[in-house]
Amino acid sequence: MPRKFGGRRRVVMERITNQRRVSVTFAKRYSGIFIKVRDLCTLCGVKLAILLLSPTLKPYSLGVPNVDAVVNLFLGQNHVLPCSTTSHHKEFLREIKIKELNTHLTNILGHLECLKKAEKELNKKRDESQENGWWGAPIENLGIEELEQLKVAMLELKVPGSILSARTPHGLIL
């Protein structure tokens, strides 16, 4: 069965006449060119500047360490380049990482404060419910209604098939 598509084929290097295809091809390829320039500068330690003019006459430029420094060096106006691009890049990445970590820390601290407030409220509600609960009082101090509630609760515990009734390790049924 023959293939329907050609797969990766070698592109013939000739001028593209369709203006729309020219714009699409430029958009796909210029970022690749910039990546190759950056890689060449990193691997070989060269200083390089590239200027591109898009089909719509929009300029694009990239220079390592920057376009002005490379052009000035090329023209002989400045023999000493500023600090290396690698250290600038590392410092830039370090600052970004610090900002991300600070943001993350701030979010965690805010979440921790919310959890502490919720814990205080829950503890307060637990203490209030234990103080007001009839089950915590001695049986002698319970009224008729509370004794009836206690009886119903005890019967529910004793009913087979309820969640709390089960055989204990000694074989007793609660």
C-alpha atoms as a PDB file:
ATOM      1  CA  MET A   1       0.000   0.000   0.000  1.00  0.00           C
ATOM      2  CA  PRO A   2       1.630   3.289  -1.049  1.00  0.00           C
ATOM      3  CA  ARG A   3       2.044   6.100   1.452  1.00  0.00           C
ATOM      4  CA  LYS A   4      -0.400   8.967   1.215  1.00  0.00           C
ATOM      5  CA  PHE A   5       2.034  11.509   2.582  1.00  0.00           C
ATOM      6  CA  GLY A   6       5.634  12.156   1.676  1.00  0.00           C
ATOM      7  CA  GLY A   7       6.825  12.407   5.278  1.00  0.00           C
ATOM      8  CA  ARG A   8       9.930  14.503   5.826  1.00  0.00           C
ATOM      9  CA  ARG A   9      11.207  15.437   2.429  1.00  0.00           C
ATOM     10  CA  ARG A  10      14.016  17.674   1.401  1.00  0.00           C
ATOM     11  CA  VAL A  11      12.711  21.138   0.604  1.00  0.00           C
ATOM     12  CA  VAL A  12      13.964  22.589  -2.635  1.00  0.00           C
ATOM     13  CA  MET A  13      15.630  25.941  -1.930  1.00  0.00           C
ATOM     14  CA  GLU A  14      13.905  28.362  -4.256  1.00  0.00           C
ATOM     15  CA  ARG A  15      12.018  31.576  -3.772  1.00  0.00           C
ATOM     16  CA  ILE A  16       8.406  31.149  -2.637  1.00  0.00           C
ATOM     17  CA  THR A  17       6.077  33.215  -4.777  1.00  0.00           C
ATOM     18  CA  ASN A  18       2.875  32.919  -2.742  1.00  0.00           C
ATOM     19  CA  GLN A  19       2.962  35.801  -0.231  1.00  0.00           C
ATOM     20  CA  ARG A  20       0.879  33.939   2.347  1.00  0.00           C
ATOM     21  CA  ARG A  21       3.238  30.954   2.254  1.00  0.00           C
ATOM     22  CA  VAL A  22       6.201  33.331   2.590  1.00  0.00           C
ATOM     23  CA  SER A  23       4.754  34.790   5.800  1.00  0.00           C
ATOM     24  CA  VAL A  24       3.953  31.356   7.229  1.00  0.00           C
ATOM     25  CA  THR A  25       7.416  30.001   6.397  1.00  0.00           C
ATOM     26  CA  PHE A  26       9.109  33.038   7.940  1.00  0.00           C
ATOM     27  CA  ALA A  27       7.051  32.716  11.120  1.00  0.00           C
ATOM     28  CA  LYS A  28       8.028  29.047  11.435  1.00  0.00           C
ATOM     29  CA  ARG A  29      11.710  29.519  10.716  1.00  0.00           C
ATOM     30  CA  TYR A  30      12.885  32.724  12.403  1.00  0.00           C
ATOM     31  CA  SER A  31      12.592  31.344  15.936  1.00  0.00           C
ATOM     32  CA  GLY A  32      14.672  28.344  14.839  1.00  0.00           C
ATOM     33  CA  ILE A  33      17.368  30.691  13.540  1.00  0.00           C
ATOM     34  CA  PHE A  34      17.451  32.543  16.868  1.00  0.00           C
ATOM     35  CA  ILE A  35      17.766  29.250  18.751  1.00  0.00           C
ATOM     36  CA  LYS A  36      20.712  28.230  16.545  1.00  0.00           C
ATOM     37  CA  VAL A  37      22.415  31.604  17.134  1.00  0.00           C
ATOM     38  CA  ARG A  38      21.993  31.286  20.893  1.00  0.00           C
ATOM     39  CA  ASP A  39      23.318  27.706  20.842  1.00  0.00           C
ATOM     40  CA  LEU A  40      26.345  28.711  18.746  1.00  0.00           C
ATOM     41  CA  CYS A  41      27.184  31.527  21.161  1.00  0.00           C
ATOM     42  CA  THR A  42      26.799  29.276  24.193  1.00  0.00           C
ATOM     43  CA  LEU A  43      28.794  26.346  22.807  1.00  0.00           C
ATOM     44  CA  CYS A  44      31.610  28.272  21.130  1.00  0.00           C
ATOM     45  CA  GLY A  45      31.720  31.422  23.232  1.00  0.00           C
ATOM     46  CA  VAL A  46      31.409  33.682  20.205  1.00  0.00           C
ATOM     47  CA  LYS A  47      29.860  37.123  20.130  1.00  0.00           C
ATOM     48  CA  LEU A  48      27.255  37.325  17.412  1.00  0.00           C
ATOM     49  CA  ALA A  49      24.481  39.635  16.217  1.00  0.00           C
ATOM     50  CA  ILE A  50      21.769  38.817  13.714  1.00  0.00           C
ATOM     51  CA  LEU A  51      19.249  41.166  12.135  1.00  0.00           C
ATOM     52  CA  LEU A  52      16.227  39.893  10.208  1.00  0.00           C
ATOM     53  CA  LEU A  53      13.718  41.889   8.234  1.00  0.00           C
ATOM     54  CA  SER A  54      10.409  40.047   7.836  1.00  0.00           C
ATOM     55  CA  PRO A  55       8.452  40.054   4.572  1.00  0.00           C
ATOM     56  CA  THR A  56       6.223  42.710   6.135  1.00  0.00           C
ATOM     57  CA  LEU A  57       9.381  44.764   6.854  1.00  0.00           C
ATOM     58  CA  LYS A  58       9.179  44.205  10.599  1.00  0.00           C
ATOM     59  CA  PRO A  59      12.715  44.022  12.077  1.00  0.00           C
ATOM     60  CA  TYR A  60      13.909  41.241  14.377  1.00  0.00           C
ATOM     61  CA  SER A  61      17.290  41.237  16.092  1.00  0.00           C
ATOM     62  CA  LEU A  62      19.303  39.085  18.449  1.00  0.00           C
ATOM     63  CA  GLY A  63      22.771  39.646  19.784  1.00  0.00           C
ATOM     64  CA  VAL A  64      24.933  37.881  22.301  1.00  0.00           C
ATOM     65  CA  PRO A  65      25.716  39.625  24.657  1.00  0.00           C
ATOM     66  CA  ASN A  66      23.554  42.249  22.842  1.00  0.00           C
ATOM     67  CA  VAL A  67      23.276  43.695  19.345  1.00  0.00           C
ATOM     68  CA  ASP A  68      24.760  47.120  20.216  1.00  0.00           C
ATOM     69  CA  ALA A  69      27.831  45.619  21.891  1.00  0.00           C
ATOM     70  CA  VAL A  70      28.554  43.301  18.954  1.00  0.00           C
ATOM     71  CA  VAL A  71      28.053  46.057  16.366  1.00  0.00           C
ATOM     72  CA  ASN A  72      30.281  48.459  18.350  1.00  0.00           C
ATOM     73  CA  LEU A  73      32.942  45.760  18.628  1.00  0.00           C
ATOM     74  CA  PHE A  74      32.697  45.072  14.886  1.00  0.00           C
ATOM     75  CA  LEU A  75      33.051  48.769  14.084  1.00  0.00           C
ATOM     76  CA  GLY A  76      35.976  49.059  16.500  1.00  0.00           C
ATOM     77  CA  GLN A  77      34.283  51.566  18.800  1.00  0.00           C
ATOM     78  CA  ASN A  78      34.319  49.436  21.933  1.00  0.00           C
ATOM     79  CA  HIS A  79      36.974  46.799  22.548  1.00  0.00           C
ATOM     80  CA  VAL A  80      35.722  45.701  25.965  1.00  0.00           C
ATOM     81  CA  LEU A  81      32.383  43.956  26.109  1.00  0.00           C
ATOM     82  CA  PRO A  82      30.242  44.172  29.206  1.00  0.00           C
ATOM     83  CA  CYS A  83      29.860  41.240  31.574  1.00  0.00           C
ATOM     84  CA  SER A  84      29.436  37.883  29.855  1.00  0.00           C
ATOM     85  CA  THR A  85      26.001  36.841  28.716  1.00  0.00           C
ATOM     86  CA  THR A  86      26.248  33.578  30.624  1.00  0.00           C
ATOM     87  CA  SER A  87      26.460  35.324  33.980  1.00  0.00           C
ATOM     88  CA  HIS A  88      23.622  37.685  32.983  1.00  0.00           C
ATOM     89  CA  HIS A  89      21.531  34.706  31.949  1.00  0.00           C
ATOM     90  CA  LYS A  90      22.275  32.817  35.166  1.00  0.00           C
ATOM     91  CA  GLU A  91      21.475  35.890  37.280  1.00  0.00           C
ATOM     92  CA  PHE A  92      18.235  36.424  35.363  1.00  0.00           C
ATOM     93  CA  LEU A  93      17.198  32.793  35.903  1.00  0.00           C
ATOM     94  CA  ARG A  94      18.159  33.029  39.583  1.00  0.00           C
ATOM     95  CA  GLU A  95      15.998  36.134  40.057  1.00  0.00           C
ATOM     96  CA  ILE A  96      13.051  34.436  38.352  1.00  0.00           C
ATOM     97  CA  LYS A  97      13.437  31.363  40.576  1.00  0.00           C
ATOM     98  CA  ILE A  98      13.630  33.553  43.700  1.00  0.00           C
ATOM     99  CA  LYS A  99      10.425  35.368  42.683  1.00  0.00           C
ATOM    100  CA  GLU A 100       8.661  32.045  42.072  1.00  0.00           C
ATOM    101  CA  LEU A 101       9.803  30.681  45.436  1.00  0.00           C
ATOM    102  CA  ASN A 102       8.747  33.875  47.245  1.00  0.00           C
ATOM    103  CA  THR A 103       5.311  33.706  45.633  1.00  0.00           C
ATOM    104  CA  HIS A 104       5.005  30.046  46.568  1.00  0.00           C
ATOM    105  CA  LEU A 105       6.094  30.789  50.145  1.00  0.00           C
ATOM    106  CA  THR A 106       3.579  33.644  50.436  1.00  0.00           C
ATOM    107  CA  ASN A 107       0.794  31.347  49.214  1.00  0.00           C
ATOM    108  CA  ILE A 108       1.777  28.626  51.685  1.00  0.00           C
ATOM    109  CA  LEU A 109       1.940  31.085  54.591  1.00  0.00           C
ATOM    110  CA  GLY A 110      -1.497  32.455  53.677  1.00  0.00           C
ATOM    111  CA  HIS A 111      -2.880  28.931  53.523  1.00  0.00           C
ATOM    112  CA  LEU A 112      -1.274  28.154  56.890  1.00  0.00           C
ATOM    113  CA  GLU A 113      -2.928  31.207  58.462  1.00  0.00           C
ATOM    114  CA  CYS A 114      -6.322  30.101  57.113  1.00  0.00           C
ATOM    115  CA  LEU A 115      -5.790  26.618  58.523  1.00  0.00           C
ATOM    116  CA  LYS A 116      -4.826  28.041  61.932  1.00  0.00           C
ATOM    117  CA  LYS A 117      -7.994  30.164  62.005  1.00  0.00           C
ATOM    118  CA  ALA A 118     -10.096  27.150  61.022  1.00  0.00           C
ATOM    119  CA  GLU A 119      -8.410  25.064  63.744  1.00  0.00           C
ATOM    120  CA  LYS A 120      -9.207  27.696  66.383  1.00  0.00           C
ATOM    121  CA  GLU A 121     -12.846  27.830  65.277  1.00  0.00           C
ATOM    122  CA  LEU A 122     -13.156  24.041  65.298  1.00  0.00           C
ATOM    123  CA  ASN A 123     -11.573  23.791  68.744  1.00  0.00           C
ATOM    124  CA  LYS A 124     -13.933  26.476  70.016  1.00  0.00           C
ATOM    125  CA  LYS A 125     -16.979  24.687  68.568  1.00  0.00           C
ATOM    126  CA  ARG A 126     -15.772  21.341  69.946  1.00  0.00           C
ATOM    127  CA  ASP A 127     -15.341  22.803  73.428  1.00  0.00           C
ATOM    128  CA  GLU A 128     -18.795  24.446  73.278  1.00  0.00           C
ATOM    129  CA  SER A 129     -20.462  21.234  72.117  1.00  0.00           C
ATOM    130  CA  GLN A 130     -18.766  19.183  74.831  1.00  0.00           C
ATOM    131  CA  GLU A 131     -19.874  21.658  77.482  1.00  0.00           C
ATOM    132  CA  ASN A 132     -23.465  21.719  76.193  1.00  0.00           C
ATOM    133  CA  GLY A 133     -23.784  18.003  75.392  1.00  0.00           C
ATOM    134  CA  TRP A 134     -26.072  15.830  77.514  1.00  0.00           C
ATOM    135  CA  TRP A 135     -23.814  12.793  76.968  1.00  0.00           C
ATOM    136  CA  GLY A 136     -21.031  14.375  78.981  1.00  0.00           C
ATOM    137  CA  ALA A 137     -23.157  14.976  82.079  1.00  0.00           C
ATOM    138  CA  PRO A 138     -23.588  12.342  84.819  1.00  0.00           C
ATOM    139  CA  ILE A 139     -26.702  10.174  84.363  1.00  0.00           C
ATOM    140  CA  GLU A 140     -28.097  11.328  87.693  1.00  0.00           C
ATOM    141  CA  ASN A 141     -28.228  14.921  86.417  1.00  0.00           C
ATOM    142  CA  LEU A 142     -30.087  14.081  83.168  1.00  0.00           C
ATOM    143  CA  GLY A 143     -33.739  14.985  82.717  1.00  0.00           C
ATOM    144  CA  ILE A 144     -36.450  12.801  81.200  1.00  0.00           C
ATOM    145  CA  GLU A 145     -35.857  14.009  77.617  1.00  0.00           C
ATOM    146  CA  GLU A 146     -32.101  13.485  77.814  1.00  0.00           C
ATOM    147  CA  LEU A 147     -32.595   9.993  79.291  1.00  0.00           C
ATOM    148  CA  GLU A 148     -34.936   9.137  76.396  1.00  0.00           C
ATOM    149  CA  GLN A 149     -32.309  10.368  73.886  1.00  0.00           C
ATOM    150  CA  LEU A 150     -29.672   8.287  75.665  1.00  0.00           C
ATOM    151  CA  LYS A 151     -31.919   5.218  75.517  1.00  0.00           C
ATOM    152  CA  VAL A 152     -32.540   5.677  71.767  1.00  0.00           C
ATOM    153  CA  ALA A 153     -28.805   6.158  71.130  1.00  0.00           C
ATOM    154  CA  MET A 154     -27.969   3.002  73.145  1.00  0.00           C
ATOM    155  CA  LEU A 155     -30.591   0.979  71.236  1.00  0.00           C
ATOM    156  CA  GLU A 156     -29.181   2.191  67.906  1.00  0.00           C
ATOM    157  CA  LEU A 157     -25.750   0.998  68.970  1.00  0.00           C
ATOM    158  CA  LYS A 158     -27.168  -2.413  69.858  1.00  0.00           C
ATOM    159  CA  VAL A 159     -29.113  -2.972  66.594  1.00  0.00           C
ATOM    160  CA  PRO A 160     -27.377  -5.631  64.447  1.00  0.00           C
ATOM    161  CA  GLY A 161     -26.181  -4.311  61.113  1.00  0.00           C
ATOM    162  CA  SER A 162     -25.678  -0.786  62.348  1.00  0.00           C
ATOM    163  CA  ILE A 163     -22.331   0.804  61.739  1.00  0.00           C
ATOM    164  CA  LEU A 164     -21.225   0.708  65.352  1.00  0.00           C
ATOM    165  CA  SER A 165     -22.478  -2.773  66.288  1.00  0.00           C
ATOM    166  CA  ALA A 166     -19.895  -5.428  65.707  1.00  0.00           C
ATOM    167  CA  ARG A 167     -18.317  -8.398  67.371  1.00  0.00           C
ATOM    168  CA  THR A 168     -15.447  -7.602  69.643  1.00  0.00           C
ATOM    169  CA  PRO A 169     -12.329  -9.786  69.762  1.00  0.00           C
ATOM    170  CA  HIS A 170     -13.903 -11.628  72.720  1.00  0.00           C
ATOM    171  CA  GLY A 171     -17.022 -12.551  70.765  1.00  0.00           C
ATOM    172  CA  LEU A 172     -19.318 -10.069  72.465  1.00  0.00           C
ATOM    173  CA  ILE A 173     -21.840  -8.093  70.479  1.00  0.00           C
ATOM    174  CA  LEU A 174     -22.124  -4.432  71.266  1.00  0.00           C
END
